[in-house]
Amino acid sequence: MRRFNFFTIYNRNGEIVFSSGNAAVGWNGVYKGVPQSTGVYVWIASATSYKGVQVLRKGTVMLIR
């Protein structure tokens, strides 16, 4: 990838619980200083390829404690 655009995680209410434009930074399961409950969260990531094509991927992740 030529450029990493963003990585965002949403809770089941559609609220953004994590967002970063830095590929080296990840979510630690905390939102506003409060550890989030176990469950499924939706993520969306965007990057730009060397050919200038925007790549968008999305999926789910299970947070367990």
Protein backbone atom coordinates (compact mmCIF):
# COMPACT_ATOMS: atom_id res chain seq x y z
CA MET A 1 0.00 0.00 0.00
CA ARG A 2 1.16 3.46 -0.81
CA ARG A 3 -0.86 5.30 1.82
CA PHE A 4 -2.90 4.21 4.82
CA ASN A 5 -6.00 6.41 5.10
CA PHE A 6 -7.89 5.31 8.20
CA PHE A 7 -8.96 2.48 10.49
CA THR A 8 -12.22 2.90 12.42
CA ILE A 9 -14.09 0.66 14.87
CA TYR A 10 -17.81 1.01 15.66
CA ASN A 11 -19.86 -0.47 18.49
CA ARG A 12 -23.29 -2.03 18.00
CA ASN A 13 -24.93 1.40 18.35
CA GLY A 14 -22.94 2.75 15.40
CA GLU A 15 -20.80 4.91 17.67
CA ILE A 16 -17.12 5.30 16.74
CA VAL A 17 -15.09 3.80 19.60
CA PHE A 18 -11.70 4.03 17.86
CA SER A 19 -10.30 5.78 14.82
CA SER A 20 -6.73 6.27 13.61
CA GLY A 21 -4.88 7.42 10.54
CA ASN A 22 -1.71 5.67 11.73
CA ALA A 23 -1.34 2.01 10.73
CA ALA A 24 0.96 1.36 13.70
CA VAL A 25 -1.69 2.30 16.28
CA GLY A 26 -4.31 -0.23 17.38
CA TRP A 27 -7.34 -0.27 19.65
CA ASN A 28 -6.87 -1.44 23.23
CA GLY A 29 -10.57 -2.11 23.90
CA VAL A 30 -11.09 1.13 25.82
CA TYR A 31 -13.44 3.98 24.89
CA LYS A 32 -13.48 7.27 26.84
CA GLY A 33 -11.38 5.63 29.54
CA VAL A 34 -13.87 2.77 30.05
CA PRO A 35 -13.09 -0.82 29.05
CA GLN A 36 -15.73 -1.87 26.54
CA SER A 37 -17.92 -4.91 27.01
CA THR A 38 -17.30 -8.22 25.34
CA GLY A 39 -19.01 -8.40 21.98
CA VAL A 40 -18.79 -7.91 18.25
CA TYR A 41 -17.50 -4.65 16.80
CA VAL A 42 -17.43 -3.53 13.17
CA TRP A 43 -14.24 -2.20 11.58
CA ILE A 44 -13.56 -0.32 8.35
CA ALA A 45 -10.08 0.31 6.90
CA SER A 46 -9.07 2.37 3.88
CA ALA A 47 -5.77 2.64 2.01
CA THR A 48 -4.51 3.79 -1.36
CA SER A 49 -2.53 1.39 -3.56
CA TYR A 50 0.62 2.24 -5.50
CA LYS A 51 -1.55 2.50 -8.61
CA GLY A 52 -3.73 5.15 -6.92
CA VAL A 53 -6.70 2.81 -6.36
CA GLN A 54 -8.57 3.24 -3.09
CA VAL A 55 -8.89 -0.05 -1.21
CA LEU A 56 -11.72 -0.29 1.34
CA ARG A 57 -12.14 -3.31 3.60
CA LYS A 58 -14.61 -3.96 6.40
CA GLY A 59 -15.39 -6.75 8.80
CA THR A 60 -16.12 -7.68 12.37
CA VAL A 61 -13.98 -8.41 15.39
CA MET A 62 -14.93 -10.09 18.67
CA LEU A 63 -13.67 -8.35 21.79
CA ILE A 64 -13.06 -10.83 24.59
CA ARG A 65 -11.72 -10.25 28.09
